[in-house]
Amino acid sequence: MLISAASNRSKGDQTPDLWMPPLKSYWCTYSRAWIDVKHVYELNVTETEKAALGEMLDTCPDN
């Protein structure tokens, strides 16, 4: 999935509670990638960020 330059600029360095990919079909991939980075670097997750990530994860197909 390629993200347009305009979409990338609008996102900046915002967290998922402030910005979500415009294509809802990409939310699952985006949230999993975000969570992986947080895990690898042992970064904190705020409650609002956690809620937004949960909403995006709800779009993932059942495995």
C-alpha atoms as a PDB file:
ATOM      1  CA  MET A   1       0.000   0.000   0.000  1.00  0.00           C
ATOM      2  CA  LEU A   2       1.425   3.337  -0.981  1.00  0.00           C
ATOM      3  CA  ILE A   3       0.505   6.449   0.949  1.00  0.00           C
ATOM      4  CA  SER A   4       0.232   9.651  -1.035  1.00  0.00           C
ATOM      5  CA  ALA A   5       2.621  12.482  -0.243  1.00  0.00           C
ATOM      6  CA  ALA A   6      -0.301  14.723   0.740  1.00  0.00           C
ATOM      7  CA  SER A   7      -1.651  12.107   3.147  1.00  0.00           C
ATOM      8  CA  ASN A   8       1.787  11.591   4.663  1.00  0.00           C
ATOM      9  CA  ARG A   9       2.226  15.343   5.171  1.00  0.00           C
ATOM     10  CA  SER A  10      -1.196  15.631   6.835  1.00  0.00           C
ATOM     11  CA  LYS A  11      -0.261  12.878   9.265  1.00  0.00           C
ATOM     12  CA  GLY A  12       3.086  14.325  10.295  1.00  0.00           C
ATOM     13  CA  ASP A  13       4.127  12.738  13.577  1.00  0.00           C
ATOM     14  CA  GLN A  14       0.608  12.401  14.973  1.00  0.00           C
ATOM     15  CA  THR A  15      -0.397   9.372  17.001  1.00  0.00           C
ATOM     16  CA  PRO A  16      -3.309   7.100  16.013  1.00  0.00           C
ATOM     17  CA  ASP A  17      -5.693   8.921  18.363  1.00  0.00           C
ATOM     18  CA  LEU A  18      -5.092  12.092  16.312  1.00  0.00           C
ATOM     19  CA  TRP A  19      -4.751  10.615  12.811  1.00  0.00           C
ATOM     20  CA  MET A  20      -5.892   7.409  11.118  1.00  0.00           C
ATOM     21  CA  PRO A  21      -5.235   6.393   7.520  1.00  0.00           C
ATOM     22  CA  PRO A  22      -8.032   7.668   5.271  1.00  0.00           C
ATOM     23  CA  LEU A  23      -8.581   4.180   3.839  1.00  0.00           C
ATOM     24  CA  LYS A  24     -10.340   2.129   6.502  1.00  0.00           C
ATOM     25  CA  SER A  25      -9.188  -0.998   4.652  1.00  0.00           C
ATOM     26  CA  TYR A  26      -5.614  -0.117   5.724  1.00  0.00           C
ATOM     27  CA  TRP A  27      -6.386   0.358   9.439  1.00  0.00           C
ATOM     28  CA  CYS A  28      -5.529  -3.239  10.369  1.00  0.00           C
ATOM     29  CA  THR A  29      -2.094  -3.118   8.728  1.00  0.00           C
ATOM     30  CA  TYR A  30      -1.341   0.358  10.087  1.00  0.00           C
ATOM     31  CA  SER A  31      -2.321  -0.456  13.668  1.00  0.00           C
ATOM     32  CA  ARG A  32      -0.336  -3.691  13.715  1.00  0.00           C
ATOM     33  CA  ALA A  33       2.746  -1.873  12.414  1.00  0.00           C
ATOM     34  CA  TRP A  34       2.301   0.895  15.014  1.00  0.00           C
ATOM     35  CA  ILE A  35       1.993  -1.674  17.815  1.00  0.00           C
ATOM     36  CA  ASP A  36       5.072  -3.554  16.578  1.00  0.00           C
ATOM     37  CA  VAL A  37       7.175  -0.375  16.724  1.00  0.00           C
ATOM     38  CA  LYS A  38       5.886   0.446  20.214  1.00  0.00           C
ATOM     39  CA  HIS A  39       6.753  -3.083  21.355  1.00  0.00           C
ATOM     40  CA  VAL A  40      10.232  -3.244  19.798  1.00  0.00           C
ATOM     41  CA  TYR A  41      11.279   0.097  21.276  1.00  0.00           C
ATOM     42  CA  GLU A  42       9.377  -0.424  24.546  1.00  0.00           C
ATOM     43  CA  LEU A  43       7.417   2.805  24.093  1.00  0.00           C
ATOM     44  CA  ASN A  44       4.417   3.815  26.206  1.00  0.00           C
ATOM     45  CA  VAL A  45       0.886   3.857  24.825  1.00  0.00           C
ATOM     46  CA  THR A  46      -1.592   6.448  26.092  1.00  0.00           C
ATOM     47  CA  GLU A  47      -5.180   5.472  26.867  1.00  0.00           C
ATOM     48  CA  THR A  48      -6.533   7.477  23.927  1.00  0.00           C
ATOM     49  CA  GLU A  49      -3.940   5.950  21.607  1.00  0.00           C
ATOM     50  CA  LYS A  50      -4.868   2.476  22.900  1.00  0.00           C
ATOM     51  CA  ALA A  51      -8.548   3.137  22.210  1.00  0.00           C
ATOM     52  CA  ALA A  52      -7.820   4.290  18.645  1.00  0.00           C
ATOM     53  CA  LEU A  53      -5.599   1.273  18.010  1.00  0.00           C
ATOM     54  CA  GLY A  54      -8.335  -1.002  19.348  1.00  0.00           C
ATOM     55  CA  GLU A  55     -10.832   0.553  16.944  1.00  0.00           C
ATOM     56  CA  MET A  56      -8.443  -0.038  14.057  1.00  0.00           C
ATOM     57  CA  LEU A  57      -7.667  -3.608  15.172  1.00  0.00           C
ATOM     58  CA  ASP A  58     -11.400  -4.332  15.130  1.00  0.00           C
ATOM     59  CA  THR A  59     -11.194  -4.044  11.333  1.00  0.00           C
ATOM     60  CA  CYS A  60      -8.729  -6.959  11.114  1.00  0.00           C
ATOM     61  CA  PRO A  61     -10.116 -10.179   9.678  1.00  0.00           C
ATOM     62  CA  ASP A  62     -10.354 -13.054  12.106  1.00  0.00           C
ATOM     63  CA  ASN A  63      -7.301 -15.299  11.965  1.00  0.00           C
END
